[in-house]
Amino acid sequence: MTHVTGTGPRRRASDRSPSITTLIDTATVQEITEQAWLALVGEDEVLVPLPAPVPADALSAWVEILGPWNGSVVLTCGRDTAHELTRALLGEHAPEVLEDEDVDDALGELANVVGGNVKAVLPGPSVLGLPEVGVTPPPGHEADTCRVDVLWRGSPLTVRVQSVPAERENEVPL
């Protein structure tokens, strides 16, 4: 049950978040991803909507969204692809040898832009967390996930809009 207070509707801790698939569809996530790609990676860089397995050495960047729906937007690709993406984002300013921090920043920026645009189409108010980079975070309910699989320069990349795992559903951010 939702209660209305002076600051707007509030969900009780026992209430479940709505399913992401009732709030956004795969086509919208793909469009958001493509627009972010054009803006950050370049107009000549094309994403091809084809599923392919992500390499075992995958690296992910994600941002959490907290609001009427709680979850994260996760961008995952192989480490070699992450390095190529970093070079594409930095362009002529890319150093000859990339530091891990450069790769983390570039992947985090892509996740942040895609996540911010996903947040904008969800019911609000919502808060976008800071980008995190590392091993792919576990998804919540598989049915509560919008997944877009694409190829960039022939390499697989996945964007997932996923709910938080069940054990984290009622966490309150500090």
C-alpha atoms as a PDB file:
ATOM      1  CA  MET A   1       0.000   0.000   0.000  1.00  0.00           C
ATOM      2  CA  THR A   2       1.178   3.498  -0.781  1.00  0.00           C
ATOM      3  CA  HIS A   3       0.661   6.248   1.768  1.00  0.00           C
ATOM      4  CA  VAL A   4       0.492   9.892   0.780  1.00  0.00           C
ATOM      5  CA  THR A   5       2.268  12.348   3.044  1.00  0.00           C
ATOM      6  CA  GLY A   6       3.065  16.022   2.831  1.00  0.00           C
ATOM      7  CA  THR A   7       6.144  15.175   0.751  1.00  0.00           C
ATOM      8  CA  GLY A   8       4.353  12.846  -1.673  1.00  0.00           C
ATOM      9  CA  PRO A   9       3.576   9.147  -1.970  1.00  0.00           C
ATOM     10  CA  ARG A  10       5.657   6.772   0.156  1.00  0.00           C
ATOM     11  CA  ARG A  11       6.033   3.016  -0.116  1.00  0.00           C
ATOM     12  CA  ARG A  12       6.067   0.935   3.032  1.00  0.00           C
ATOM     13  CA  ALA A  13       9.170  -1.198   3.490  1.00  0.00           C
ATOM     14  CA  SER A  14       6.991  -4.300   3.035  1.00  0.00           C
ATOM     15  CA  ASP A  15       5.730  -3.103  -0.376  1.00  0.00           C
ATOM     16  CA  ARG A  16       7.550  -4.449  -3.424  1.00  0.00           C
ATOM     17  CA  SER A  17       8.909  -2.122  -6.085  1.00  0.00           C
ATOM     18  CA  PRO A  18       7.064  -2.227  -9.397  1.00  0.00           C
ATOM     19  CA  SER A  19       8.661  -4.458 -12.028  1.00  0.00           C
ATOM     20  CA  ILE A  20      11.002  -2.561 -14.365  1.00  0.00           C
ATOM     21  CA  THR A  21       9.335  -4.266 -17.319  1.00  0.00           C
ATOM     22  CA  THR A  22       6.101  -2.417 -16.481  1.00  0.00           C
ATOM     23  CA  LEU A  23       7.968   0.909 -16.444  1.00  0.00           C
ATOM     24  CA  ILE A  24      10.353   0.707 -19.414  1.00  0.00           C
ATOM     25  CA  ASP A  25      10.790  -1.586 -22.397  1.00  0.00           C
ATOM     26  CA  THR A  26      13.828  -2.985 -24.159  1.00  0.00           C
ATOM     27  CA  ALA A  27      13.357  -0.701 -27.167  1.00  0.00           C
ATOM     28  CA  THR A  28      13.582   2.378 -24.910  1.00  0.00           C
ATOM     29  CA  VAL A  29      16.720   1.071 -23.179  1.00  0.00           C
ATOM     30  CA  GLN A  30      18.283   0.400 -26.585  1.00  0.00           C
ATOM     31  CA  GLU A  31      17.386   3.884 -27.834  1.00  0.00           C
ATOM     32  CA  ILE A  32      18.852   5.490 -24.699  1.00  0.00           C
ATOM     33  CA  THR A  33      22.028   3.420 -25.108  1.00  0.00           C
ATOM     34  CA  GLU A  34      22.374   4.367 -28.784  1.00  0.00           C
ATOM     35  CA  GLN A  35      21.880   8.081 -28.040  1.00  0.00           C
ATOM     36  CA  ALA A  36      24.494   7.997 -25.265  1.00  0.00           C
ATOM     37  CA  TRP A  37      26.836   6.135 -27.603  1.00  0.00           C
ATOM     38  CA  LEU A  38      26.491   8.736 -30.342  1.00  0.00           C
ATOM     39  CA  ALA A  39      27.049  11.580 -27.885  1.00  0.00           C
ATOM     40  CA  LEU A  40      30.028  10.099 -26.039  1.00  0.00           C
ATOM     41  CA  VAL A  41      31.713   7.566 -28.308  1.00  0.00           C
ATOM     42  CA  GLY A  42      31.093   9.208 -31.671  1.00  0.00           C
ATOM     43  CA  GLU A  43      28.676   9.549 -34.543  1.00  0.00           C
ATOM     44  CA  ASP A  44      30.586   7.009 -36.616  1.00  0.00           C
ATOM     45  CA  GLU A  45      30.366   4.377 -33.877  1.00  0.00           C
ATOM     46  CA  VAL A  46      27.457   1.996 -34.418  1.00  0.00           C
ATOM     47  CA  LEU A  47      25.885  -0.473 -32.031  1.00  0.00           C
ATOM     48  CA  VAL A  48      24.537  -3.591 -33.758  1.00  0.00           C
ATOM     49  CA  PRO A  49      21.668  -5.250 -31.881  1.00  0.00           C
ATOM     50  CA  LEU A  50      22.954  -8.836 -31.836  1.00  0.00           C
ATOM     51  CA  PRO A  51      23.335 -11.016 -28.763  1.00  0.00           C
ATOM     52  CA  ALA A  52      26.719 -12.588 -28.126  1.00  0.00           C
ATOM     53  CA  PRO A  53      28.324 -13.977 -24.990  1.00  0.00           C
ATOM     54  CA  VAL A  54      30.367 -11.492 -22.987  1.00  0.00           C
ATOM     55  CA  PRO A  55      33.938 -12.733 -22.411  1.00  0.00           C
ATOM     56  CA  ALA A  56      34.892 -14.345 -19.105  1.00  0.00           C
ATOM     57  CA  ASP A  57      37.119 -11.342 -18.306  1.00  0.00           C
ATOM     58  CA  ALA A  58      34.079  -9.057 -18.222  1.00  0.00           C
ATOM     59  CA  LEU A  59      34.165  -5.652 -16.581  1.00  0.00           C
ATOM     60  CA  SER A  60      31.011  -3.829 -15.539  1.00  0.00           C
ATOM     61  CA  ALA A  61      30.093  -0.287 -14.633  1.00  0.00           C
ATOM     62  CA  TRP A  62      26.788   0.559 -13.013  1.00  0.00           C
ATOM     63  CA  VAL A  63      24.735   3.194 -11.293  1.00  0.00           C
ATOM     64  CA  GLU A  64      21.954   2.529  -8.837  1.00  0.00           C
ATOM     65  CA  ILE A  65      18.551   4.160  -9.070  1.00  0.00           C
ATOM     66  CA  LEU A  66      16.551   4.608  -5.878  1.00  0.00           C
ATOM     67  CA  GLY A  67      12.947   5.741  -5.934  1.00  0.00           C
ATOM     68  CA  PRO A  68       9.604   4.134  -6.725  1.00  0.00           C
ATOM     69  CA  TRP A  69      11.695   1.468  -8.500  1.00  0.00           C
ATOM     70  CA  ASN A  70      15.025   0.373  -7.001  1.00  0.00           C
ATOM     71  CA  GLY A  71      17.690  -1.188  -9.151  1.00  0.00           C
ATOM     72  CA  SER A  72      20.715  -0.526 -11.263  1.00  0.00           C
ATOM     73  CA  VAL A  73      21.745   0.144 -14.832  1.00  0.00           C
ATOM     74  CA  VAL A  74      24.708  -2.097 -15.643  1.00  0.00           C
ATOM     75  CA  LEU A  75      26.999  -1.858 -18.674  1.00  0.00           C
ATOM     76  CA  THR A  76      29.140  -4.989 -19.196  1.00  0.00           C
ATOM     77  CA  CYS A  77      31.837  -5.776 -21.753  1.00  0.00           C
ATOM     78  CA  GLY A  78      35.158  -7.557 -22.045  1.00  0.00           C
ATOM     79  CA  ARG A  79      38.284  -5.828 -20.737  1.00  0.00           C
ATOM     80  CA  ASP A  80      39.690  -5.378 -24.253  1.00  0.00           C
ATOM     81  CA  THR A  81      36.436  -3.716 -25.303  1.00  0.00           C
ATOM     82  CA  ALA A  82      36.580  -1.475 -22.212  1.00  0.00           C
ATOM     83  CA  HIS A  83      40.069  -0.359 -23.270  1.00  0.00           C
ATOM     84  CA  GLU A  84      38.885   0.354 -26.833  1.00  0.00           C
ATOM     85  CA  LEU A  85      35.919   2.304 -25.436  1.00  0.00           C
ATOM     86  CA  THR A  86      38.245   4.360 -23.266  1.00  0.00           C
ATOM     87  CA  ARG A  87      40.392   5.224 -26.283  1.00  0.00           C
ATOM     88  CA  ALA A  88      37.265   6.163 -28.264  1.00  0.00           C
ATOM     89  CA  LEU A  89      35.997   8.422 -25.460  1.00  0.00           C
ATOM     90  CA  LEU A  90      39.349  10.096 -24.875  1.00  0.00           C
ATOM     91  CA  GLY A  91      40.064  10.454 -28.591  1.00  0.00           C
ATOM     92  CA  GLU A  92      43.303  12.252 -29.334  1.00  0.00           C
ATOM     93  CA  HIS A  93      43.830  12.813 -25.583  1.00  0.00           C
ATOM     94  CA  ALA A  94      44.184   9.076 -24.870  1.00  0.00           C
ATOM     95  CA  PRO A  95      47.574   8.242 -23.373  1.00  0.00           C
ATOM     96  CA  GLU A  96      49.673   5.590 -25.053  1.00  0.00           C
ATOM     97  CA  VAL A  97      49.294   3.330 -22.006  1.00  0.00           C
ATOM     98  CA  LEU A  98      45.877   3.401 -20.341  1.00  0.00           C
ATOM     99  CA  GLU A  99      45.710   3.235 -16.564  1.00  0.00           C
ATOM    100  CA  ASP A 100      42.982   1.173 -14.887  1.00  0.00           C
ATOM    101  CA  GLU A 101      41.590   4.446 -13.540  1.00  0.00           C
ATOM    102  CA  ASP A 102      41.128   5.776 -17.106  1.00  0.00           C
ATOM    103  CA  VAL A 103      39.172   2.656 -18.066  1.00  0.00           C
ATOM    104  CA  ASP A 104      37.066   2.788 -14.896  1.00  0.00           C
ATOM    105  CA  ASP A 105      36.283   6.476 -15.469  1.00  0.00           C
ATOM    106  CA  ALA A 106      35.284   5.948 -19.112  1.00  0.00           C
ATOM    107  CA  LEU A 107      33.092   2.919 -18.443  1.00  0.00           C
ATOM    108  CA  GLY A 108      31.611   4.646 -15.393  1.00  0.00           C
ATOM    109  CA  GLU A 109      30.771   7.734 -17.462  1.00  0.00           C
ATOM    110  CA  LEU A 110      28.942   5.633 -20.042  1.00  0.00           C
ATOM    111  CA  ALA A 111      26.972   3.862 -17.295  1.00  0.00           C
ATOM    112  CA  ASN A 112      26.227   7.221 -15.663  1.00  0.00           C
ATOM    113  CA  VAL A 113      24.846   8.769 -18.854  1.00  0.00           C
ATOM    114  CA  VAL A 114      22.763   5.720 -19.767  1.00  0.00           C
ATOM    115  CA  GLY A 115      21.582   5.401 -16.148  1.00  0.00           C
ATOM    116  CA  GLY A 116      20.671   9.081 -15.923  1.00  0.00           C
ATOM    117  CA  ASN A 117      18.585   8.839 -19.064  1.00  0.00           C
ATOM    118  CA  VAL A 118      16.873   5.661 -17.830  1.00  0.00           C
ATOM    119  CA  LYS A 119      16.112   7.440 -14.533  1.00  0.00           C
ATOM    120  CA  ALA A 120      14.578  10.325 -16.489  1.00  0.00           C
ATOM    121  CA  VAL A 121      11.912   8.078 -18.033  1.00  0.00           C
ATOM    122  CA  LEU A 122      11.021   6.296 -14.779  1.00  0.00           C
ATOM    123  CA  PRO A 123       8.397   7.644 -12.396  1.00  0.00           C
ATOM    124  CA  GLY A 124      10.005   9.880  -9.827  1.00  0.00           C
ATOM    125  CA  PRO A 125      11.311  11.283  -7.785  1.00  0.00           C
ATOM    126  CA  SER A 126      14.372   9.065  -8.003  1.00  0.00           C
ATOM    127  CA  VAL A 127      18.022   9.422  -7.068  1.00  0.00           C
ATOM    128  CA  LEU A 128      20.949   8.292  -9.215  1.00  0.00           C
ATOM    129  CA  GLY A 129      23.967   6.900  -7.381  1.00  0.00           C
ATOM    130  CA  LEU A 130      27.588   7.430  -8.321  1.00  0.00           C
ATOM    131  CA  PRO A 131      29.088   5.081 -10.914  1.00  0.00           C
ATOM    132  CA  GLU A 132      30.790   1.928  -9.660  1.00  0.00           C
ATOM    133  CA  VAL A 133      33.093  -0.325 -11.666  1.00  0.00           C
ATOM    134  CA  GLY A 134      34.041  -3.938 -11.049  1.00  0.00           C
ATOM    135  CA  VAL A 135      32.690  -7.449 -11.298  1.00  0.00           C
ATOM    136  CA  THR A 136      29.125  -7.575 -12.606  1.00  0.00           C
ATOM    137  CA  PRO A 137      26.701  -7.077  -9.704  1.00  0.00           C
ATOM    138  CA  PRO A 138      24.135  -9.843  -9.213  1.00  0.00           C
ATOM    139  CA  PRO A 139      20.707  -9.146 -10.675  1.00  0.00           C
ATOM    140  CA  GLY A 140      17.547  -9.286  -8.648  1.00  0.00           C
ATOM    141  CA  HIS A 141      14.613 -11.119 -10.147  1.00  0.00           C
ATOM    142  CA  GLU A 142      15.459 -12.227 -13.707  1.00  0.00           C
ATOM    143  CA  ALA A 143      11.888 -11.380 -14.758  1.00  0.00           C
ATOM    144  CA  ASP A 144      12.502  -7.845 -13.474  1.00  0.00           C
ATOM    145  CA  THR A 145      15.260  -7.071 -15.970  1.00  0.00           C
ATOM    146  CA  CYS A 146      15.417  -5.231 -19.289  1.00  0.00           C
ATOM    147  CA  ARG A 147      18.454  -6.442 -21.212  1.00  0.00           C
ATOM    148  CA  VAL A 148      19.956  -5.065 -24.406  1.00  0.00           C
ATOM    149  CA  ASP A 149      22.696  -7.051 -26.143  1.00  0.00           C
ATOM    150  CA  VAL A 150      24.725  -5.302 -28.827  1.00  0.00           C
ATOM    151  CA  LEU A 151      27.978  -5.577 -30.720  1.00  0.00           C
ATOM    152  CA  TRP A 152      30.352  -2.625 -30.932  1.00  0.00           C
ATOM    153  CA  ARG A 153      33.230  -3.037 -33.360  1.00  0.00           C
ATOM    154  CA  GLY A 154      32.363  -6.751 -33.358  1.00  0.00           C
ATOM    155  CA  SER A 155      32.653  -7.096 -29.567  1.00  0.00           C
ATOM    156  CA  PRO A 156      29.709  -7.924 -27.278  1.00  0.00           C
ATOM    157  CA  LEU A 157      28.341  -5.380 -24.849  1.00  0.00           C
ATOM    158  CA  THR A 158      25.318  -5.714 -22.571  1.00  0.00           C
ATOM    159  CA  VAL A 159      23.165  -3.079 -20.910  1.00  0.00           C
ATOM    160  CA  ARG A 160      20.902  -4.365 -18.144  1.00  0.00           C
ATOM    161  CA  VAL A 161      18.315  -2.428 -16.201  1.00  0.00           C
ATOM    162  CA  GLN A 162      17.869  -4.770 -13.263  1.00  0.00           C
ATOM    163  CA  SER A 163      16.154  -4.847  -9.898  1.00  0.00           C
ATOM    164  CA  VAL A 164      18.129  -5.148  -6.689  1.00  0.00           C
ATOM    165  CA  PRO A 165      18.641  -8.653  -5.294  1.00  0.00           C
ATOM    166  CA  ALA A 166      15.864  -9.770  -2.926  1.00  0.00           C
ATOM    167  CA  GLU A 167      18.123  -9.549   0.140  1.00  0.00           C
ATOM    168  CA  ARG A 168      18.674  -5.822  -0.601  1.00  0.00           C
ATOM    169  CA  GLU A 169      15.078  -4.841  -1.441  1.00  0.00           C
ATOM    170  CA  ASN A 170      14.360  -3.084   1.845  1.00  0.00           C
ATOM    171  CA  GLU A 171      17.755  -1.464   2.370  1.00  0.00           C
ATOM    172  CA  VAL A 172      17.624   2.211   3.164  1.00  0.00           C
ATOM    173  CA  PRO A 173      20.549   4.259   1.813  1.00  0.00           C
ATOM    174  CA  LEU A 174      22.492   6.267   4.390  1.00  0.00           C
END
